[in-house]
Amino acid sequence: MASTKKFSSSSSSSSSSSSSCSSNWTAEKNKLFENALAIYDKETPDRWNKIAKIVGGTTEEEVKRQYEILKEDINRIESGKFPIPQYRKCRRSSNISNEEQRLKNLKL
């Protein structure tokens, strides 16, 4: 186990959005794939076979293709070519804080 780097789930969704990979590559498989990448780094012998076994129902070639898609997505994000989502601003309409509201609603 060489690396502990994990990709966030947001990268998961971006990789599936820009890919033309087969329809059997589910969000669950993508999560297994990303976790396996964290376990097996590029120095691992027979890396793609091991990752394919963890993902299940896929081949080494599909895993390699998914890895290339992930790298492309990461490059787009890092280069600023991936649009940043517009988040709504949070406004507080009362004097009570979120933490106070949660404590008020807490049932002991």
PDB file of N, CA and C in Angstrom:
ATOM      1  N   MET A   1       0.842  -1.174   0.000  1.00  0.00           N
ATOM      2  CA  MET A   1       0.000   0.000   0.000  1.00  0.00           C
ATOM      3  C   MET A   1       0.882   1.230   0.000  1.00  0.00           C
ATOM      4  N   ALA A   2       1.076   1.778  -1.150  1.00  0.00           N
ATOM      5  CA  ALA A   2       2.066   2.816  -1.290  1.00  0.00           C
ATOM      6  C   ALA A   2       1.521   4.216  -1.091  1.00  0.00           C
ATOM      7  N   SER A   3       0.320   4.471  -1.474  1.00  0.00           N
ATOM      8  CA  SER A   3      -0.192   5.826  -1.454  1.00  0.00           C
ATOM      9  C   SER A   3      -1.507   5.893  -0.694  1.00  0.00           C
ATOM     10  N   THR A   4      -1.720   7.017  -0.019  1.00  0.00           N
ATOM     11  CA  THR A   4      -2.987   7.206   0.681  1.00  0.00           C
ATOM     12  C   THR A   4      -3.793   8.333   0.071  1.00  0.00           C
ATOM     13  N   LYS A   5      -3.371   8.833  -1.068  1.00  0.00           N
ATOM     14  CA  LYS A   5      -4.083   9.915  -1.727  1.00  0.00           C
ATOM     15  C   LYS A   5      -5.447   9.435  -2.189  1.00  0.00           C
ATOM     16  N   LYS A   6      -6.463  10.229  -1.898  1.00  0.00           N
ATOM     17  CA  LYS A   6      -7.823   9.906  -2.333  1.00  0.00           C
ATOM     18  C   LYS A   6      -8.348  11.036  -3.190  1.00  0.00           C
ATOM     19  N   PHE A   7      -9.158  10.682  -4.132  1.00  0.00           N
ATOM     20  CA  PHE A   7      -9.830  11.668  -4.944  1.00  0.00           C
ATOM     21  C   PHE A   7     -11.189  11.920  -4.334  1.00  0.00           C
ATOM     22  N   SER A   8     -11.622  13.143  -4.403  1.00  0.00           N
ATOM     23  CA  SER A   8     -12.922  13.451  -3.831  1.00  0.00           C
ATOM     24  C   SER A   8     -14.033  12.942  -4.715  1.00  0.00           C
ATOM     25  N   SER A   9     -15.202  12.871  -4.121  1.00  0.00           N
ATOM     26  CA  SER A   9     -16.344  12.409  -4.896  1.00  0.00           C
ATOM     27  C   SER A   9     -16.714  13.389  -5.989  1.00  0.00           C
ATOM     28  N   SER A  10     -16.329  14.652  -5.828  1.00  0.00           N
ATOM     29  CA  SER A  10     -16.612  15.591  -6.898  1.00  0.00           C
ATOM     30  C   SER A  10     -15.846  15.245  -8.153  1.00  0.00           C
ATOM     31  N   SER A  11     -14.636  14.725  -8.006  1.00  0.00           N
ATOM     32  CA  SER A  11     -13.927  14.276  -9.191  1.00  0.00           C
ATOM     33  C   SER A  11     -14.596  13.062  -9.790  1.00  0.00           C
ATOM     34  N   SER A  12     -15.254  12.298  -8.974  1.00  0.00           N
ATOM     35  CA  SER A  12     -15.977  11.136  -9.478  1.00  0.00           C
ATOM     36  C   SER A  12     -17.061  11.563 -10.432  1.00  0.00           C
ATOM     37  N   SER A  13     -17.814  12.556 -10.018  1.00  0.00           N
ATOM     38  CA  SER A  13     -18.913  12.975 -10.858  1.00  0.00           C
ATOM     39  C   SER A  13     -18.407  13.633 -12.122  1.00  0.00           C
ATOM     40  N   SER A  14     -17.300  14.363 -12.042  1.00  0.00           N
ATOM     41  CA  SER A  14     -16.795  15.004 -13.238  1.00  0.00           C
ATOM     42  C   SER A  14     -16.267  13.993 -14.225  1.00  0.00           C
ATOM     43  N   SER A  15     -15.663  12.910 -13.737  1.00  0.00           N
ATOM     44  CA  SER A  15     -15.119  11.928 -14.663  1.00  0.00           C
ATOM     45  C   SER A  15     -16.220  11.223 -15.425  1.00  0.00           C
ATOM     46  N   SER A  16     -17.337  10.999 -14.792  1.00  0.00           N
ATOM     47  CA  SER A  16     -18.420  10.333 -15.499  1.00  0.00           C
ATOM     48  C   SER A  16     -19.133  11.290 -16.434  1.00  0.00           C
ATOM     49  N   SER A  17     -19.097  12.594 -16.134  1.00  0.00           N
ATOM     50  CA  SER A  17     -19.813  13.543 -16.963  1.00  0.00           C
ATOM     51  C   SER A  17     -19.128  13.788 -18.292  1.00  0.00           C
ATOM     52  N   SER A  18     -17.794  13.690 -18.339  1.00  0.00           N
ATOM     53  CA  SER A  18     -17.106  13.987 -19.581  1.00  0.00           C
ATOM     54  C   SER A  18     -16.717  12.737 -20.339  1.00  0.00           C
ATOM     55  N   SER A  19     -17.066  11.602 -19.828  1.00  0.00           N
ATOM     56  CA  SER A  19     -16.602  10.371 -20.452  1.00  0.00           C
ATOM     57  C   SER A  19     -17.622   9.820 -21.421  1.00  0.00           C
ATOM     58  N   SER A  20     -17.097   9.016 -22.314  1.00  0.00           N
ATOM     59  CA  SER A  20     -17.977   8.254 -23.194  1.00  0.00           C
ATOM     60  C   SER A  20     -17.778   6.784 -22.895  1.00  0.00           C
ATOM     61  N   CYS A  21     -17.442   6.498 -21.629  1.00  0.00           N
ATOM     62  CA  CYS A  21     -17.160   5.118 -21.252  1.00  0.00           C
ATOM     63  C   CYS A  21     -18.450   4.313 -21.225  1.00  0.00           C
ATOM     64  N   SER A  22     -18.282   3.023 -21.140  1.00  0.00           N
ATOM     65  CA  SER A  22     -19.426   2.126 -21.230  1.00  0.00           C
ATOM     66  C   SER A  22     -20.435   2.388 -20.124  1.00  0.00           C
ATOM     67  N   SER A  23     -21.671   2.046 -20.403  1.00  0.00           N
ATOM     68  CA  SER A  23     -22.755   2.324 -19.475  1.00  0.00           C
ATOM     69  C   SER A  23     -22.674   1.487 -18.211  1.00  0.00           C
ATOM     70  N   ASN A  24     -21.807   0.467 -18.191  1.00  0.00           N
ATOM     71  CA  ASN A  24     -21.711  -0.350 -16.985  1.00  0.00           C
ATOM     72  C   ASN A  24     -20.760   0.249 -15.958  1.00  0.00           C
ATOM     73  N   TRP A  25     -20.191   1.420 -16.219  1.00  0.00           N
ATOM     74  CA  TRP A  25     -19.315   2.074 -15.257  1.00  0.00           C
ATOM     75  C   TRP A  25     -20.179   2.958 -14.363  1.00  0.00           C
ATOM     76  N   THR A  26     -20.573   2.417 -13.232  1.00  0.00           N
ATOM     77  CA  THR A  26     -21.507   3.088 -12.330  1.00  0.00           C
ATOM     78  C   THR A  26     -20.769   3.980 -11.339  1.00  0.00           C
ATOM     79  N   ALA A  27     -21.523   4.767 -10.592  1.00  0.00           N
ATOM     80  CA  ALA A  27     -20.937   5.596  -9.539  1.00  0.00           C
ATOM     81  C   ALA A  27     -20.274   4.717  -8.480  1.00  0.00           C
ATOM     82  N   GLU A  28     -20.875   3.571  -8.198  1.00  0.00           N
ATOM     83  CA  GLU A  28     -20.294   2.644  -7.222  1.00  0.00           C
ATOM     84  C   GLU A  28     -18.948   2.111  -7.714  1.00  0.00           C
ATOM     85  N   LYS A  29     -18.894   1.745  -8.999  1.00  0.00           N
ATOM     86  CA  LYS A  29     -17.627   1.273  -9.571  1.00  0.00           C
ATOM     87  C   LYS A  29     -16.585   2.386  -9.544  1.00  0.00           C
ATOM     88  N   ASN A  30     -17.026   3.601  -9.812  1.00  0.00           N
ATOM     89  CA  ASN A  30     -16.102   4.726  -9.812  1.00  0.00           C
ATOM     90  C   ASN A  30     -15.494   4.938  -8.429  1.00  0.00           C
ATOM     91  N   LYS A  31     -16.299   4.804  -7.400  1.00  0.00           N
ATOM     92  CA  LYS A  31     -15.806   4.946  -6.028  1.00  0.00           C
ATOM     93  C   LYS A  31     -14.801   3.837  -5.707  1.00  0.00           C
ATOM     94  N   LEU A  32     -15.122   2.603  -6.074  1.00  0.00           N
ATOM     95  CA  LEU A  32     -14.196   1.484  -5.871  1.00  0.00           C
ATOM     96  C   LEU A  32     -12.897   1.721  -6.633  1.00  0.00           C
ATOM     97  N   PHE A  33     -13.020   2.217  -7.849  1.00  0.00           N
ATOM     98  CA  PHE A  33     -11.869   2.520  -8.692  1.00  0.00           C
ATOM     99  C   PHE A  33     -10.963   3.557  -8.031  1.00  0.00           C
ATOM    100  N   GLU A  34     -11.543   4.649  -7.568  1.00  0.00           N
ATOM    101  CA  GLU A  34     -10.746   5.705  -6.945  1.00  0.00           C
ATOM    102  C   GLU A  34     -10.097   5.233  -5.649  1.00  0.00           C
ATOM    103  N   ASN A  35     -10.801   4.441  -4.871  1.00  0.00           N
ATOM    104  CA  ASN A  35     -10.203   3.893  -3.648  1.00  0.00           C
ATOM    105  C   ASN A  35      -9.066   2.934  -3.978  1.00  0.00           C
ATOM    106  N   ALA A  36      -9.234   2.137  -5.030  1.00  0.00           N
ATOM    107  CA  ALA A  36      -8.179   1.211  -5.448  1.00  0.00           C
ATOM    108  C   ALA A  36      -6.950   1.974  -5.934  1.00  0.00           C
ATOM    109  N   LEU A  37      -7.159   3.103  -6.600  1.00  0.00           N
ATOM    110  CA  LEU A  37      -6.027   3.928  -7.024  1.00  0.00           C
ATOM    111  C   LEU A  37      -5.229   4.429  -5.823  1.00  0.00           C
ATOM    112  N   ALA A  38      -5.924   4.695  -4.728  1.00  0.00           N
ATOM    113  CA  ALA A  38      -5.243   5.143  -3.513  1.00  0.00           C
ATOM    114  C   ALA A  38      -4.405   4.024  -2.900  1.00  0.00           C
ATOM    115  N   ILE A  39      -4.799   2.795  -3.131  1.00  0.00           N
ATOM    116  CA  ILE A  39      -4.073   1.641  -2.582  1.00  0.00           C
ATOM    117  C   ILE A  39      -2.904   1.252  -3.481  1.00  0.00           C
ATOM    118  N   TYR A  40      -3.161   1.171  -4.783  1.00  0.00           N
ATOM    119  CA  TYR A  40      -2.157   0.691  -5.735  1.00  0.00           C
ATOM    120  C   TYR A  40      -1.615   1.856  -6.559  1.00  0.00           C
ATOM    121  N   ASP A  41      -0.421   2.330  -6.229  1.00  0.00           N
ATOM    122  CA  ASP A  41       0.171   3.419  -6.996  1.00  0.00           C
ATOM    123  C   ASP A  41       0.852   2.884  -8.247  1.00  0.00           C
ATOM    124  N   LYS A  42       1.468   3.791  -9.019  1.00  0.00           N
ATOM    125  CA  LYS A  42       2.031   3.370 -10.306  1.00  0.00           C
ATOM    126  C   LYS A  42       3.228   2.447 -10.182  1.00  0.00           C
ATOM    127  N   GLU A  43       3.780   2.293  -8.987  1.00  0.00           N
ATOM    128  CA  GLU A  43       4.900   1.373  -8.770  1.00  0.00           C
ATOM    129  C   GLU A  43       4.429  -0.058  -8.482  1.00  0.00           C
ATOM    130  N   THR A  44       3.147  -0.259  -8.297  1.00  0.00           N
ATOM    131  CA  THR A  44       2.599  -1.573  -7.953  1.00  0.00           C
ATOM    132  C   THR A  44       2.643  -2.510  -9.154  1.00  0.00           C
ATOM    133  N   PRO A  45       3.266  -3.680  -8.991  1.00  0.00           N
ATOM    134  CA  PRO A  45       3.253  -4.657 -10.083  1.00  0.00           C
ATOM    135  C   PRO A  45       1.817  -5.124 -10.366  1.00  0.00           C
ATOM    136  N   ASP A  46       1.484  -5.256 -11.632  1.00  0.00           N
ATOM    137  CA  ASP A  46       0.169  -5.738 -12.053  1.00  0.00           C
ATOM    138  C   ASP A  46      -0.965  -4.854 -11.515  1.00  0.00           C
ATOM    139  N   ARG A  47      -0.682  -3.554 -11.467  1.00  0.00           N
ATOM    140  CA  ARG A  47      -1.607  -2.565 -10.895  1.00  0.00           C
ATOM    141  C   ARG A  47      -3.006  -2.633 -11.494  1.00  0.00           C
ATOM    142  N   TRP A  48      -3.100  -2.609 -12.815  1.00  0.00           N
ATOM    143  CA  TRP A  48      -4.412  -2.516 -13.463  1.00  0.00           C
ATOM    144  C   TRP A  48      -5.242  -3.768 -13.245  1.00  0.00           C
ATOM    145  N   ASN A  49      -4.602  -4.911 -13.203  1.00  0.00           N
ATOM    146  CA  ASN A  49      -5.311  -6.160 -12.927  1.00  0.00           C
ATOM    147  C   ASN A  49      -5.876  -6.145 -11.507  1.00  0.00           C
ATOM    148  N   LYS A  50      -5.080  -5.688 -10.556  1.00  0.00           N
ATOM    149  CA  LYS A  50      -5.529  -5.627  -9.158  1.00  0.00           C
ATOM    150  C   LYS A  50      -6.695  -4.654  -9.003  1.00  0.00           C
ATOM    151  N   ILE A  51      -6.604  -3.514  -9.663  1.00  0.00           N
ATOM    152  CA  ILE A  51      -7.683  -2.524  -9.592  1.00  0.00           C
ATOM    153  C   ILE A  51      -8.948  -3.073 -10.248  1.00  0.00           C
ATOM    154  N   ALA A  52      -8.798  -3.741 -11.390  1.00  0.00           N
ATOM    155  CA  ALA A  52      -9.961  -4.327 -12.076  1.00  0.00           C
ATOM    156  C   ALA A  52     -10.653  -5.355 -11.190  1.00  0.00           C
ATOM    157  N   LYS A  53      -9.878  -6.131 -10.439  1.00  0.00           N
ATOM    158  CA  LYS A  53     -10.474  -7.123  -9.533  1.00  0.00           C
ATOM    159  C   LYS A  53     -11.253  -6.448  -8.409  1.00  0.00           C
ATOM    160  N   ILE A  54     -10.720  -5.359  -7.876  1.00  0.00           N
ATOM    161  CA  ILE A  54     -11.423  -4.635  -6.809  1.00  0.00           C
ATOM    162  C   ILE A  54     -12.720  -4.033  -7.341  1.00  0.00           C
ATOM    163  N   VAL A  55     -12.655  -3.416  -8.514  1.00  0.00           N
ATOM    164  CA  VAL A  55     -13.844  -2.794  -9.103  1.00  0.00           C
ATOM    165  C   VAL A  55     -14.880  -3.860  -9.442  1.00  0.00           C
ATOM    166  N   GLY A  56     -14.423  -4.964 -10.015  1.00  0.00           N
ATOM    167  CA  GLY A  56     -15.331  -6.057 -10.365  1.00  0.00           C
ATOM    168  C   GLY A  56     -16.101  -5.787 -11.641  1.00  0.00           C
ATOM    169  N   GLY A  57     -16.301  -6.827 -12.425  1.00  0.00           N
ATOM    170  CA  GLY A  57     -17.087  -6.713 -13.651  1.00  0.00           C
ATOM    171  C   GLY A  57     -16.476  -5.808 -14.696  1.00  0.00           C
ATOM    172  N   THR A  58     -15.163  -5.641 -14.672  1.00  0.00           N
ATOM    173  CA  THR A  58     -14.486  -4.780 -15.626  1.00  0.00           C
ATOM    174  C   THR A  58     -13.148  -5.392 -16.019  1.00  0.00           C
ATOM    175  N   THR A  59     -12.580  -4.884 -17.089  1.00  0.00           N
ATOM    176  CA  THR A  59     -11.298  -5.387 -17.572  1.00  0.00           C
ATOM    177  C   THR A  59     -10.188  -4.395 -17.254  1.00  0.00           C
ATOM    178  N   GLU A  60      -8.954  -4.862 -17.415  1.00  0.00           N
ATOM    179  CA  GLU A  60      -7.806  -3.975 -17.237  1.00  0.00           C
ATOM    180  C   GLU A  60      -7.887  -2.802 -18.209  1.00  0.00           C
ATOM    181  N   GLU A  61      -8.303  -3.068 -19.441  1.00  0.00           N
ATOM    182  CA  GLU A  61      -8.402  -2.012 -20.453  1.00  0.00           C
ATOM    183  C   GLU A  61      -9.430  -0.954 -20.056  1.00  0.00           C
ATOM    184  N   GLU A  62     -10.574  -1.380 -19.522  1.00  0.00           N
ATOM    185  CA  GLU A  62     -11.593  -0.416 -19.075  1.00  0.00           C
ATOM    186  C   GLU A  62     -11.066   0.426 -17.918  1.00  0.00           C
ATOM    187  N   VAL A  63     -10.326  -0.208 -17.024  1.00  0.00           N
ATOM    188  CA  VAL A  63      -9.748   0.510 -15.884  1.00  0.00           C
ATOM    189  C   VAL A  63      -8.730   1.535 -16.375  1.00  0.00           C
ATOM    190  N   LYS A  64      -7.881   1.137 -17.314  1.00  0.00           N
ATOM    191  CA  LYS A  64      -6.897   2.070 -17.875  1.00  0.00           C
ATOM    192  C   LYS A  64      -7.588   3.233 -18.573  1.00  0.00           C
ATOM    193  N   ARG A  65      -8.653   2.941 -19.323  1.00  0.00           N
ATOM    194  CA  ARG A  65      -9.408   3.988 -20.013  1.00  0.00           C
ATOM    195  C   ARG A  65     -10.034   4.951 -18.998  1.00  0.00           C
ATOM    196  N   GLN A  66     -10.589   4.411 -17.929  1.00  0.00           N
ATOM    197  CA  GLN A  66     -11.193   5.254 -16.897  1.00  0.00           C
ATOM    198  C   GLN A  66     -10.136   6.126 -16.221  1.00  0.00           C
ATOM    199  N   TYR A  67      -8.940   5.588 -16.047  1.00  0.00           N
ATOM    200  CA  TYR A  67      -7.835   6.345 -15.455  1.00  0.00           C
ATOM    201  C   TYR A  67      -7.454   7.523 -16.355  1.00  0.00           C
ATOM    202  N   GLU A  68      -7.396   7.300 -17.652  1.00  0.00           N
ATOM    203  CA  GLU A  68      -7.080   8.381 -18.591  1.00  0.00           C
ATOM    204  C   GLU A  68      -8.156   9.459 -18.551  1.00  0.00           C
ATOM    205  N   ILE A  69      -9.409   9.058 -18.461  1.00  0.00           N
ATOM    206  CA  ILE A  69     -10.519  10.010 -18.356  1.00  0.00           C
ATOM    207  C   ILE A  69     -10.385  10.829 -17.078  1.00  0.00           C
ATOM    208  N   LEU A  70     -10.060  10.169 -15.982  1.00  0.00           N
ATOM    209  CA  LEU A  70      -9.887  10.858 -14.703  1.00  0.00           C
ATOM    210  C   LEU A  70      -8.751  11.872 -14.790  1.00  0.00           C
ATOM    211  N   LYS A  71      -7.626  11.482 -15.397  1.00  0.00           N
ATOM    212  CA  LYS A  71      -6.493  12.402 -15.545  1.00  0.00           C
ATOM    213  C   LYS A  71      -6.878  13.621 -16.380  1.00  0.00           C
ATOM    214  N   GLU A  72      -7.628  13.399 -17.460  1.00  0.00           N
ATOM    215  CA  GLU A  72      -8.087  14.511 -18.300  1.00  0.00           C
ATOM    216  C   GLU A  72      -8.980  15.458 -17.504  1.00  0.00           C
ATOM    217  N   ASP A  73      -9.891  14.898 -16.721  1.00  0.00           N
ATOM    218  CA  ASP A  73     -10.786  15.721 -15.899  1.00  0.00           C
ATOM    219  C   ASP A  73     -10.001  16.544 -14.886  1.00  0.00           C
ATOM    220  N   ILE A  74      -9.032  15.920 -14.237  1.00  0.00           N
ATOM    221  CA  ILE A  74      -8.214  16.632 -13.252  1.00  0.00           C
ATOM    222  C   ILE A  74      -7.441  17.758 -13.925  1.00  0.00           C
ATOM    223  N   ASN A  75      -6.878  17.494 -15.092  1.00  0.00           N
ATOM    224  CA  ASN A  75      -6.154  18.537 -15.829  1.00  0.00           C
ATOM    225  C   ASN A  75      -7.066  19.701 -16.188  1.00  0.00           C
ATOM    226  N   ARG A  76      -8.309  19.403 -16.620  1.00  0.00           N
ATOM    227  CA  ARG A  76      -9.264  20.471 -16.940  1.00  0.00           C
ATOM    228  C   ARG A  76      -9.602  21.293 -15.701  1.00  0.00           C
ATOM    229  N   ILE A  77      -9.813  20.623 -14.584  1.00  0.00           N
ATOM    230  CA  ILE A  77     -10.144  21.325 -13.340  1.00  0.00           C
ATOM    231  C   ILE A  77      -8.986  22.219 -12.920  1.00  0.00           C
ATOM    232  N   GLU A  78      -7.773  21.661 -12.919  1.00  0.00           N
ATOM    233  CA  GLU A  78      -6.598  22.419 -12.483  1.00  0.00           C
ATOM    234  C   GLU A  78      -6.263  23.570 -13.424  1.00  0.00           C
ATOM    235  N   SER A  79      -6.597  23.456 -14.697  1.00  0.00           N
ATOM    236  CA  SER A  79      -6.309  24.521 -15.654  1.00  0.00           C
ATOM    237  C   SER A  79      -7.419  25.574 -15.696  1.00  0.00           C
ATOM    238  N   GLY A  80      -8.471  25.369 -14.912  1.00  0.00           N
ATOM    239  CA  GLY A  80      -9.558  26.336 -14.853  1.00  0.00           C
ATOM    240  C   GLY A  80     -10.576  26.190 -15.967  1.00  0.00           C
ATOM    241  N   LYS A  81     -10.507  25.112 -16.722  1.00  0.00           N
ATOM    242  CA  LYS A  81     -11.446  24.907 -17.824  1.00  0.00           C
ATOM    243  C   LYS A  81     -12.741  24.249 -17.378  1.00  0.00           C
ATOM    244  N   PHE A  82     -12.780  23.817 -16.147  1.00  0.00           N
ATOM    245  CA  PHE A  82     -13.989  23.198 -15.599  1.00  0.00           C
ATOM    246  C   PHE A  82     -14.760  24.284 -14.872  1.00  0.00           C
ATOM    247  N   PRO A  83     -16.010  24.526 -15.225  1.00  0.00           N
ATOM    248  CA  PRO A  83     -16.756  25.632 -14.612  1.00  0.00           C
ATOM    249  C   PRO A  83     -16.974  25.431 -13.115  1.00  0.00           C
ATOM    250  N   ILE A  84     -16.791  26.506 -12.380  1.00  0.00           N
ATOM    251  CA  ILE A  84     -17.034  26.482 -10.939  1.00  0.00           C
ATOM    252  C   ILE A  84     -18.526  26.678 -10.716  1.00  0.00           C
ATOM    253  N   PRO A  85     -19.146  25.806  -9.927  1.00  0.00           N
ATOM    254  CA  PRO A  85     -20.593  25.932  -9.702  1.00  0.00           C
ATOM    255  C   PRO A  85     -20.943  27.223  -8.967  1.00  0.00           C
ATOM    256  N   GLN A  86     -22.097  27.755  -9.290  1.00  0.00           N
ATOM    257  CA  GLN A  86     -22.598  28.948  -8.615  1.00  0.00           C
ATOM    258  C   GLN A  86     -23.391  28.520  -7.388  1.00  0.00           C
ATOM    259  N   TYR A  87     -22.857  28.796  -6.220  1.00  0.00           N
ATOM    260  CA  TYR A  87     -23.531  28.428  -4.982  1.00  0.00           C
ATOM    261  C   TYR A  87     -24.373  29.594  -4.496  1.00  0.00           C
ATOM    262  N   ARG A  88     -25.523  29.252  -3.935  1.00  0.00           N
ATOM    263  CA  ARG A  88     -26.362  30.289  -3.341  1.00  0.00           C
ATOM    264  C   ARG A  88     -25.737  30.735  -2.034  1.00  0.00           C
ATOM    265  N   LYS A  89     -25.843  32.012  -1.788  1.00  0.00           N
ATOM    266  CA  LYS A  89     -25.331  32.532  -0.528  1.00  0.00           C
ATOM    267  C   LYS A  89     -26.294  32.163   0.586  1.00  0.00           C
ATOM    268  N   CYS A  90     -25.728  31.787   1.693  1.00  0.00           N
ATOM    269  CA  CYS A  90     -26.529  31.432   2.859  1.00  0.00           C
ATOM    270  C   CYS A  90     -26.872  32.708   3.613  1.00  0.00           C
ATOM    271  N   ARG A  91     -28.153  32.922   3.838  1.00  0.00           N
ATOM    272  CA  ARG A  91     -28.536  34.078   4.634  1.00  0.00           C
ATOM    273  C   ARG A  91     -29.266  33.612   5.873  1.00  0.00           C
ATOM    274  N   ARG A  92     -29.038  34.333   6.889  1.00  0.00           N
ATOM    275  CA  ARG A  92     -29.715  34.019   8.147  1.00  0.00           C
ATOM    276  C   ARG A  92     -30.861  35.005   8.322  1.00  0.00           C
ATOM    277  N   SER A  93     -32.034  34.456   8.444  1.00  0.00           N
ATOM    278  CA  SER A  93     -33.210  35.311   8.542  1.00  0.00           C
ATOM    279  C   SER A  93     -33.605  35.597   9.982  1.00  0.00           C
ATOM    280  N   SER A  94     -32.882  35.020  10.925  1.00  0.00           N
ATOM    281  CA  SER A  94     -33.201  35.276  12.326  1.00  0.00           C
ATOM    282  C   SER A  94     -31.920  35.461  13.112  1.00  0.00           C
ATOM    283  N   ASN A  95     -32.065  35.781  14.366  1.00  0.00           N
ATOM    284  CA  ASN A  95     -30.914  36.003  15.233  1.00  0.00           C
ATOM    285  C   ASN A  95     -30.309  34.710  15.745  1.00  0.00           C
ATOM    286  N   ILE A  96     -30.989  33.609  15.559  1.00  0.00           N
ATOM    287  CA  ILE A  96     -30.526  32.335  16.094  1.00  0.00           C
ATOM    288  C   ILE A  96     -29.549  31.682  15.102  1.00  0.00           C
ATOM    289  N   SER A  97     -28.428  31.198  15.618  1.00  0.00           N
ATOM    290  CA  SER A  97     -27.427  30.575  14.750  1.00  0.00           C
ATOM    291  C   SER A  97     -27.849  29.157  14.386  1.00  0.00           C
ATOM    292  N   ASN A  98     -27.203  28.603  13.375  1.00  0.00           N
ATOM    293  CA  ASN A  98     -27.493  27.224  12.967  1.00  0.00           C
ATOM    294  C   ASN A  98     -27.255  26.256  14.114  1.00  0.00           C
ATOM    295  N   GLU A  99     -26.169  26.463  14.846  1.00  0.00           N
ATOM    296  CA  GLU A  99     -25.857  25.566  15.964  1.00  0.00           C
ATOM    297  C   GLU A  99     -26.921  25.658  17.051  1.00  0.00           C
ATOM    298  N   GLU A 100     -27.344  26.865  17.349  1.00  0.00           N
ATOM    299  CA  GLU A 100     -28.395  27.038  18.351  1.00  0.00           C
ATOM    300  C   GLU A 100     -29.693  26.375  17.896  1.00  0.00           C
ATOM    301  N   GLN A 101     -29.998  26.504  16.612  1.00  0.00           N
ATOM    302  CA  GLN A 101     -31.215  25.895  16.076  1.00  0.00           C
ATOM    303  C   GLN A 101     -31.143  24.380  16.179  1.00  0.00           C
ATOM    304  N   ARG A 102     -29.972  23.800  15.872  1.00  0.00           N
ATOM    305  CA  ARG A 102     -29.813  22.349  15.979  1.00  0.00           C
ATOM    306  C   ARG A 102     -29.973  21.892  17.422  1.00  0.00           C
ATOM    307  N   LEU A 103     -29.404  22.635  18.349  1.00  0.00           N
ATOM    308  CA  LEU A 103     -29.534  22.279  19.762  1.00  0.00           C
ATOM    309  C   LEU A 103     -30.985  22.388  20.219  1.00  0.00           C
ATOM    310  N   LYS A 104     -31.680  23.390  19.721  1.00  0.00           N
ATOM    311  CA  LYS A 104     -33.081  23.587  20.073  1.00  0.00           C
ATOM    312  C   LYS A 104     -33.923  22.407  19.581  1.00  0.00           C
ATOM    313  N   ASN A 105     -33.605  21.890  18.401  1.00  0.00           N
ATOM    314  CA  ASN A 105     -34.357  20.784  17.811  1.00  0.00           C
ATOM    315  C   ASN A 105     -33.907  19.418  18.303  1.00  0.00           C
ATOM    316  N   LEU A 106     -32.821  19.375  19.031  1.00  0.00           N
ATOM    317  CA  LEU A 106     -32.274  18.111  19.516  1.00  0.00           C
ATOM    318  C   LEU A 106     -33.217  17.488  20.533  1.00  0.00           C
ATOM    319  N   LYS A 107     -33.530  16.232  20.329  1.00  0.00           N
ATOM    320  CA  LYS A 107     -34.415  15.523  21.255  1.00  0.00           C
ATOM    321  C   LYS A 107     -33.568  14.589  22.092  1.00  0.00           C
ATOM    322  N   LEU A 108     -33.543  14.824  23.374  1.00  0.00           N
ATOM    323  CA  LEU A 108     -32.758  13.986  24.287  1.00  0.00           C
ATOM    324  C   LEU A 108     -33.622  13.009  25.022  1.00  0.00           C
TER     325      LEU A 108
END
